[in-house]
């Protein structure tokens, strides 16, 4: 009987201590987008405390939102710092919050402090500035009439991820700007025909293939646009 009581006591103590430990975290959250407001996945968000000690990181995937549980400060409130850097395909300059370029810099010395106590904090958003890369062109029908109001989007072919869009002007022209340094796996396609009775199309591919982006022509970005 004593053994059973002792076991129950130990189980209760473990349950109490474990739950206390798990309770000592808070959730930080935000997003990572490019200048035009499109998701910028394949980024890593890192969190540091006021002494520059890393508290955790998250590798983002196919959308712009991130959430990360980090330890509650030992003596709240304490300033934490957030940094975003590329880990795969986007090839952008790292930044510390709040949107400060930070290629190899100290996030504590250069970042904007996030006052952390015992409550979850959201809205830690990064907007990654473009490097001046643009994709531009013209949309016409089969009789060479310029088409206004057609939405053209740029997409990463491998992951079928839209990275920017623009609507054609009165002359049928479009300019997709605010793009990061991007690898050569980009094409463009018509995502919205607007007021025109035209079929959805993609660069270098007939309407029958749209939108199987593996059949599209890749835009050569090596010289910049």
C-alpha atoms as a PDB file:
ATOM      1  CA  UNK A   1       0.000   0.000   0.000  1.00  0.00           C
ATOM      2  CA  UNK A   2       2.798   2.390   0.829  1.00  0.00           C
ATOM      3  CA  UNK A   3       4.468   1.619  -2.475  1.00  0.00           C
ATOM      4  CA  UNK A   4       1.282   2.429  -4.358  1.00  0.00           C
ATOM      5  CA  UNK A   5       0.846   5.723  -2.513  1.00  0.00           C
ATOM      6  CA  UNK A   6       4.470   6.647  -3.205  1.00  0.00           C
ATOM      7  CA  UNK A   7       4.035   5.850  -6.913  1.00  0.00           C
ATOM      8  CA  UNK A   8       0.927   7.982  -7.111  1.00  0.00           C
ATOM      9  CA  UNK A   9       2.722  10.820  -5.318  1.00  0.00           C
ATOM     10  CA  UNK A  10       5.658  10.608  -7.749  1.00  0.00           C
ATOM     11  CA  UNK A  11       3.339  10.557 -10.760  1.00  0.00           C
ATOM     12  CA  UNK A  12       1.491  13.608  -9.408  1.00  0.00           C
ATOM     13  CA  UNK A  13       4.764  15.462  -8.782  1.00  0.00           C
ATOM     14  CA  UNK A  14       6.048  14.633 -12.253  1.00  0.00           C
ATOM     15  CA  UNK A  15       2.753  15.769 -13.811  1.00  0.00           C
ATOM     16  CA  UNK A  16       2.899  19.063 -11.900  1.00  0.00           C
ATOM     17  CA  UNK A  17       6.568  19.758 -12.675  1.00  0.00           C
ATOM     18  CA  UNK A  18       6.280  18.782 -16.346  1.00  0.00           C
ATOM     19  CA  UNK A  19       3.226  20.964 -16.873  1.00  0.00           C
ATOM     20  CA  UNK A  20       4.970  23.839 -15.120  1.00  0.00           C
ATOM     21  CA  UNK A  21       7.935  23.477 -17.444  1.00  0.00           C
ATOM     22  CA  UNK A  22       5.775  23.291 -20.575  1.00  0.00           C
ATOM     23  CA  UNK A  23       3.879  26.380 -19.428  1.00  0.00           C
ATOM     24  CA  UNK A  24       7.064  28.463 -19.432  1.00  0.00           C
ATOM     25  CA  UNK A  25       6.964  29.240 -23.141  1.00  0.00           C
ATOM     26  CA  UNK A  26       5.215  31.845 -25.235  1.00  0.00           C
ATOM     27  CA  UNK A  27       4.425  31.938 -28.926  1.00  0.00           C
ATOM     28  CA  UNK A  28       5.859  34.554 -31.266  1.00  0.00           C
ATOM     29  CA  UNK A  29       4.366  34.785 -34.749  1.00  0.00           C
ATOM     30  CA  UNK A  30       4.364  36.840 -37.914  1.00  0.00           C
ATOM     31  CA  UNK A  31       4.838  36.650 -41.666  1.00  0.00           C
ATOM     32  CA  UNK A  32       7.464  37.038 -44.380  1.00  0.00           C
ATOM     33  CA  UNK A  33       6.444  38.623 -47.698  1.00  0.00           C
ATOM     34  CA  UNK A  34       8.090  40.465 -50.564  1.00  0.00           C
ATOM     35  CA  UNK A  35       7.426  44.088 -51.541  1.00  0.00           C
ATOM     36  CA  UNK A  36       4.311  43.349 -53.619  1.00  0.00           C
ATOM     37  CA  UNK A  37       2.872  41.408 -50.673  1.00  0.00           C
ATOM     38  CA  UNK A  38       3.354  37.869 -51.950  1.00  0.00           C
ATOM     39  CA  UNK A  39       4.521  35.046 -49.667  1.00  0.00           C
ATOM     40  CA  UNK A  40       8.264  34.566 -49.402  1.00  0.00           C
ATOM     41  CA  UNK A  41       8.650  30.987 -48.211  1.00  0.00           C
ATOM     42  CA  UNK A  42      11.825  28.962 -47.712  1.00  0.00           C
ATOM     43  CA  UNK A  43      13.038  31.498 -45.189  1.00  0.00           C
ATOM     44  CA  UNK A  44      14.363  30.925 -41.675  1.00  0.00           C
ATOM     45  CA  UNK A  45      13.186  33.097 -38.776  1.00  0.00           C
ATOM     46  CA  UNK A  46      15.500  33.166 -35.756  1.00  0.00           C
ATOM     47  CA  UNK A  47      14.793  34.585 -32.280  1.00  0.00           C
ATOM     48  CA  UNK A  48      17.465  35.915 -29.894  1.00  0.00           C
ATOM     49  CA  UNK A  49      17.312  37.196 -26.327  1.00  0.00           C
ATOM     50  CA  UNK A  50      18.866  40.463 -25.111  1.00  0.00           C
ATOM     51  CA  UNK A  51      22.318  38.902 -24.739  1.00  0.00           C
ATOM     52  CA  UNK A  52      22.305  37.531 -28.292  1.00  0.00           C
ATOM     53  CA  UNK A  53      21.657  33.930 -27.241  1.00  0.00           C
ATOM     54  CA  UNK A  54      19.607  32.036 -29.877  1.00  0.00           C
ATOM     55  CA  UNK A  55      16.262  30.920 -28.451  1.00  0.00           C
ATOM     56  CA  UNK A  56      14.914  29.034 -31.453  1.00  0.00           C
ATOM     57  CA  UNK A  57      14.301  29.106 -35.178  1.00  0.00           C
ATOM     58  CA  UNK A  58      11.772  27.932 -37.733  1.00  0.00           C
ATOM     59  CA  UNK A  59      12.270  26.977 -41.381  1.00  0.00           C
ATOM     60  CA  UNK A  60       9.253  28.208 -43.300  1.00  0.00           C
ATOM     61  CA  UNK A  61       7.848  26.331 -46.256  1.00  0.00           C
ATOM     62  CA  UNK A  62       5.069  27.144 -48.688  1.00  0.00           C
ATOM     63  CA  UNK A  63       3.277  30.090 -47.095  1.00  0.00           C
ATOM     64  CA  UNK A  64       4.283  33.348 -45.460  1.00  0.00           C
ATOM     65  CA  UNK A  65       3.199  32.717 -41.864  1.00  0.00           C
ATOM     66  CA  UNK A  66       5.389  31.510 -39.038  1.00  0.00           C
ATOM     67  CA  UNK A  67       4.887  30.595 -35.375  1.00  0.00           C
ATOM     68  CA  UNK A  68       7.581  29.738 -32.862  1.00  0.00           C
ATOM     69  CA  UNK A  69       7.449  28.811 -29.167  1.00  0.00           C
ATOM     70  CA  UNK A  70      10.301  30.328 -27.163  1.00  0.00           C
ATOM     71  CA  UNK A  71      11.133  30.426 -23.426  1.00  0.00           C
ATOM     72  CA  UNK A  72       9.504  33.052 -21.246  1.00  0.00           C
ATOM     73  CA  UNK A  73      12.135  35.558 -20.023  1.00  0.00           C
ATOM     74  CA  UNK A  74      13.642  34.731 -16.646  1.00  0.00           C
ATOM     75  CA  UNK A  75      13.004  38.313 -15.518  1.00  0.00           C
ATOM     76  CA  UNK A  76      10.244  39.734 -17.727  1.00  0.00           C
ATOM     77  CA  UNK A  77       9.914  41.963 -19.516  1.00  0.00           C
ATOM     78  CA  UNK A  78      12.992  41.333 -21.664  1.00  0.00           C
ATOM     79  CA  UNK A  79      13.812  42.458 -25.171  1.00  0.00           C
ATOM     80  CA  UNK A  80      13.932  39.717 -27.793  1.00  0.00           C
ATOM     81  CA  UNK A  81      15.070  40.141 -31.400  1.00  0.00           C
ATOM     82  CA  UNK A  82      14.000  38.483 -34.646  1.00  0.00           C
ATOM     83  CA  UNK A  83      15.996  37.852 -37.805  1.00  0.00           C
ATOM     84  CA  UNK A  84      15.011  36.371 -41.178  1.00  0.00           C
ATOM     85  CA  UNK A  85      17.382  34.799 -43.675  1.00  0.00           C
ATOM     86  CA  UNK A  86      17.133  32.661 -46.784  1.00  0.00           C
ATOM     87  CA  UNK A  87      17.674  28.911 -46.494  1.00  0.00           C
ATOM     88  CA  UNK A  88      16.720  27.690 -49.941  1.00  0.00           C
ATOM     89  CA  UNK A  89      15.385  29.444 -53.011  1.00  0.00           C
ATOM     90  CA  UNK A  90      14.590  33.099 -52.437  1.00  0.00           C
ATOM     91  CA  UNK A  91      18.164  34.455 -52.275  1.00  0.00           C
ATOM     92  CA  UNK A  92      17.381  37.668 -50.383  1.00  0.00           C
ATOM     93  CA  UNK A  93      19.486  39.800 -48.049  1.00  0.00           C
ATOM     94  CA  UNK A  94      18.892  38.823 -44.391  1.00  0.00           C
ATOM     95  CA  UNK A  95      16.986  41.315 -42.248  1.00  0.00           C
ATOM     96  CA  UNK A  96      16.399  41.923 -38.564  1.00  0.00           C
ATOM     97  CA  UNK A  97      13.014  43.085 -37.385  1.00  0.00           C
ATOM     98  CA  UNK A  98      11.753  45.699 -38.168  1.00  0.00           C
ATOM     99  CA  UNK A  99      12.837  45.425 -41.871  1.00  0.00           C
ATOM    100  CA  UNK A 100      16.489  46.356 -41.345  1.00  0.00           C
ATOM    101  CA  UNK A 101      19.044  44.778 -43.745  1.00  0.00           C
ATOM    102  CA  UNK A 102      21.439  42.653 -41.686  1.00  0.00           C
ATOM    103  CA  UNK A 103      23.892  40.569 -43.689  1.00  0.00           C
ATOM    104  CA  UNK A 104      26.144  39.170 -40.963  1.00  0.00           C
ATOM    105  CA  UNK A 105      25.254  41.893 -38.449  1.00  0.00           C
ATOM    106  CA  UNK A 106      24.472  41.533 -34.741  1.00  0.00           C
ATOM    107  CA  UNK A 107      20.674  41.253 -34.395  1.00  0.00           C
ATOM    108  CA  UNK A 108      20.764  42.746 -30.881  1.00  0.00           C
ATOM    109  CA  UNK A 109      22.860  45.744 -31.854  1.00  0.00           C
ATOM    110  CA  UNK A 110      20.957  46.415 -35.079  1.00  0.00           C
ATOM    111  CA  UNK A 111      17.437  45.085 -34.553  1.00  0.00           C
ATOM    112  CA  UNK A 112      14.290  46.643 -33.130  1.00  0.00           C
ATOM    113  CA  UNK A 113      13.535  45.175 -29.664  1.00  0.00           C
ATOM    114  CA  UNK A 114      10.413  43.104 -29.071  1.00  0.00           C
ATOM    115  CA  UNK A 115       9.328  43.542 -25.443  1.00  0.00           C
ATOM    116  CA  UNK A 116       8.457  40.047 -24.213  1.00  0.00           C
ATOM    117  CA  UNK A 117       6.763  39.134 -20.940  1.00  0.00           C
ATOM    118  CA  UNK A 118       4.405  36.201 -20.446  1.00  0.00           C
ATOM    119  CA  UNK A 119       1.933  36.755 -23.306  1.00  0.00           C
ATOM    120  CA  UNK A 120       1.970  35.572 -26.905  1.00  0.00           C
ATOM    121  CA  UNK A 121       3.052  38.209 -29.408  1.00  0.00           C
ATOM    122  CA  UNK A 122       2.022  38.403 -33.058  1.00  0.00           C
ATOM    123  CA  UNK A 123       2.595  40.841 -35.861  1.00  0.00           C
ATOM    124  CA  UNK A 124       6.341  40.275 -36.154  1.00  0.00           C
ATOM    125  CA  UNK A 125       6.174  40.739 -39.903  1.00  0.00           C
ATOM    126  CA  UNK A 126       9.019  41.035 -42.377  1.00  0.00           C
ATOM    127  CA  UNK A 127       8.615  42.734 -45.771  1.00  0.00           C
ATOM    128  CA  UNK A 128      11.676  41.880 -47.829  1.00  0.00           C
ATOM    129  CA  UNK A 129      12.659  44.692 -50.170  1.00  0.00           C
ATOM    130  CA  UNK A 130      13.200  43.817 -53.810  1.00  0.00           C
ATOM    131  CA  UNK A 131      16.476  44.435 -55.571  1.00  0.00           C
ATOM    132  CA  UNK A 132      15.015  46.228 -58.573  1.00  0.00           C
ATOM    133  CA  UNK A 133      14.362  43.120 -60.666  1.00  0.00           C
ATOM    134  CA  UNK A 134      11.397  43.429 -63.013  1.00  0.00           C
ATOM    135  CA  UNK A 135       9.659  41.227 -65.546  1.00  0.00           C
ATOM    136  CA  UNK A 136       7.779  43.196 -68.189  1.00  0.00           C
ATOM    137  CA  UNK A 137       6.011  42.513 -71.443  1.00  0.00           C
ATOM    138  CA  UNK A 138       2.854  42.970 -73.487  1.00  0.00           C
ATOM    139  CA  UNK A 139      -0.377  41.029 -73.866  1.00  0.00           C
ATOM    140  CA  UNK A 140      -2.205  40.932 -77.214  1.00  0.00           C
ATOM    141  CA  UNK A 141      -4.867  38.778 -78.807  1.00  0.00           C
ATOM    142  CA  UNK A 142      -4.428  36.809 -82.022  1.00  0.00           C
ATOM    143  CA  UNK A 143      -5.027  39.915 -84.179  1.00  0.00           C
ATOM    144  CA  UNK A 144      -2.433  41.960 -82.262  1.00  0.00           C
ATOM    145  CA  UNK A 145      -4.936  44.025 -80.277  1.00  0.00           C
ATOM    146  CA  UNK A 146      -3.507  45.218 -76.952  1.00  0.00           C
ATOM    147  CA  UNK A 147      -5.458  43.815 -74.004  1.00  0.00           C
ATOM    148  CA  UNK A 148      -5.988  46.044 -70.972  1.00  0.00           C
ATOM    149  CA  UNK A 149      -6.946  44.720 -67.526  1.00  0.00           C
ATOM    150  CA  UNK A 150      -5.347  41.276 -67.833  1.00  0.00           C
ATOM    151  CA  UNK A 151      -3.498  40.009 -64.758  1.00  0.00           C
ATOM    152  CA  UNK A 152      -0.077  38.496 -65.482  1.00  0.00           C
ATOM    153  CA  UNK A 153       1.822  36.673 -62.740  1.00  0.00           C
ATOM    154  CA  UNK A 154       5.380  35.403 -62.320  1.00  0.00           C
ATOM    155  CA  UNK A 155       5.769  31.931 -60.872  1.00  0.00           C
ATOM    156  CA  UNK A 156       8.593  29.725 -59.615  1.00  0.00           C
ATOM    157  CA  UNK A 157       8.208  26.660 -61.811  1.00  0.00           C
ATOM    158  CA  UNK A 158       9.565  24.001 -59.435  1.00  0.00           C
ATOM    159  CA  UNK A 159       7.161  24.779 -56.602  1.00  0.00           C
ATOM    160  CA  UNK A 160       4.432  26.509 -58.666  1.00  0.00           C
ATOM    161  CA  UNK A 161       4.680  29.488 -56.323  1.00  0.00           C
ATOM    162  CA  UNK A 162       3.400  32.874 -57.519  1.00  0.00           C
ATOM    163  CA  UNK A 163       5.917  35.585 -56.578  1.00  0.00           C
ATOM    164  CA  UNK A 164       4.379  38.688 -58.150  1.00  0.00           C
ATOM    165  CA  UNK A 165       1.588  39.948 -60.407  1.00  0.00           C
ATOM    166  CA  UNK A 166       0.726  43.007 -62.473  1.00  0.00           C
ATOM    167  CA  UNK A 167      -2.294  44.145 -64.498  1.00  0.00           C
ATOM    168  CA  UNK A 168      -1.868  45.280 -68.091  1.00  0.00           C
ATOM    169  CA  UNK A 169      -2.339  48.960 -68.907  1.00  0.00           C
ATOM    170  CA  UNK A 170      -4.209  50.543 -71.820  1.00  0.00           C
ATOM    171  CA  UNK A 171      -1.361  49.524 -74.149  1.00  0.00           C
ATOM    172  CA  UNK A 172      -1.418  45.921 -72.968  1.00  0.00           C
ATOM    173  CA  UNK A 173       1.845  46.375 -71.073  1.00  0.00           C
ATOM    174  CA  UNK A 174       2.697  44.945 -67.664  1.00  0.00           C
ATOM    175  CA  UNK A 175       5.629  45.317 -65.272  1.00  0.00           C
ATOM    176  CA  UNK A 176       6.039  42.888 -62.379  1.00  0.00           C
ATOM    177  CA  UNK A 177       8.443  44.584 -59.975  1.00  0.00           C
ATOM    178  CA  UNK A 178       9.684  44.246 -56.400  1.00  0.00           C
ATOM    179  CA  UNK A 179      11.304  40.883 -57.082  1.00  0.00           C
ATOM    180  CA  UNK A 180      14.232  39.439 -55.169  1.00  0.00           C
ATOM    181  CA  UNK A 181      17.372  38.009 -56.764  1.00  0.00           C
ATOM    182  CA  UNK A 182      15.766  34.903 -58.133  1.00  0.00           C
ATOM    183  CA  UNK A 183      17.026  31.679 -59.707  1.00  0.00           C
ATOM    184  CA  UNK A 184      16.399  30.774 -63.319  1.00  0.00           C
ATOM    185  CA  UNK A 185      13.206  28.801 -62.818  1.00  0.00           C
ATOM    186  CA  UNK A 186      10.731  31.615 -63.489  1.00  0.00           C
ATOM    187  CA  UNK A 187       7.970  31.928 -66.061  1.00  0.00           C
ATOM    188  CA  UNK A 188       4.888  34.118 -66.445  1.00  0.00           C
ATOM    189  CA  UNK A 189       1.257  33.271 -67.072  1.00  0.00           C
ATOM    190  CA  UNK A 190      -2.139  34.928 -67.393  1.00  0.00           C
ATOM    191  CA  UNK A 191      -3.905  34.336 -64.103  1.00  0.00           C
ATOM    192  CA  UNK A 192      -6.982  36.491 -64.758  1.00  0.00           C
ATOM    193  CA  UNK A 193      -8.283  37.357 -68.208  1.00  0.00           C
ATOM    194  CA  UNK A 194     -10.127  40.450 -66.983  1.00  0.00           C
ATOM    195  CA  UNK A 195     -12.883  41.607 -69.364  1.00  0.00           C
ATOM    196  CA  UNK A 196     -11.494  39.677 -72.334  1.00  0.00           C
ATOM    197  CA  UNK A 197     -12.683  36.369 -73.745  1.00  0.00           C
ATOM    198  CA  UNK A 198      -9.189  34.911 -73.991  1.00  0.00           C
ATOM    199  CA  UNK A 199      -7.896  31.620 -72.711  1.00  0.00           C
ATOM    200  CA  UNK A 200      -5.450  31.330 -69.854  1.00  0.00           C
ATOM    201  CA  UNK A 201      -1.930  31.199 -71.272  1.00  0.00           C
ATOM    202  CA  UNK A 202       1.676  30.936 -70.147  1.00  0.00           C
ATOM    203  CA  UNK A 203       4.996  32.056 -71.576  1.00  0.00           C
ATOM    204  CA  UNK A 204       6.140  29.801 -74.406  1.00  0.00           C
ATOM    205  CA  UNK A 205       3.294  27.364 -74.003  1.00  0.00           C
ATOM    206  CA  UNK A 206       0.018  26.978 -75.850  1.00  0.00           C
ATOM    207  CA  UNK A 207      -3.270  27.343 -74.019  1.00  0.00           C
ATOM    208  CA  UNK A 208      -3.687  23.569 -74.088  1.00  0.00           C
ATOM    209  CA  UNK A 209      -0.759  23.158 -71.679  1.00  0.00           C
ATOM    210  CA  UNK A 210      -1.728  25.935 -69.271  1.00  0.00           C
ATOM    211  CA  UNK A 211      -0.938  25.665 -66.667  1.00  0.00           C
ATOM    212  CA  UNK A 212       1.487  22.801 -66.574  1.00  0.00           C
ATOM    213  CA  UNK A 213       4.454  25.030 -65.780  1.00  0.00           C
ATOM    214  CA  UNK A 214       6.947  22.287 -66.590  1.00  0.00           C
ATOM    215  CA  UNK A 215       5.962  22.868 -70.231  1.00  0.00           C
ATOM    216  CA  UNK A 216       6.525  26.631 -70.088  1.00  0.00           C
ATOM    217  CA  UNK A 217       9.600  28.466 -71.319  1.00  0.00           C
ATOM    218  CA  UNK A 218      11.947  29.670 -68.574  1.00  0.00           C
ATOM    219  CA  UNK A 219      12.759  33.384 -68.516  1.00  0.00           C
ATOM    220  CA  UNK A 220      16.499  34.037 -68.541  1.00  0.00           C
ATOM    221  CA  UNK A 221      17.085  36.304 -65.515  1.00  0.00           C
ATOM    222  CA  UNK A 222      20.883  36.168 -65.656  1.00  0.00           C
ATOM    223  CA  UNK A 223      21.245  39.641 -67.190  1.00  0.00           C
ATOM    224  CA  UNK A 224      18.526  41.283 -65.065  1.00  0.00           C
ATOM    225  CA  UNK A 225      15.346  42.943 -66.313  1.00  0.00           C
END
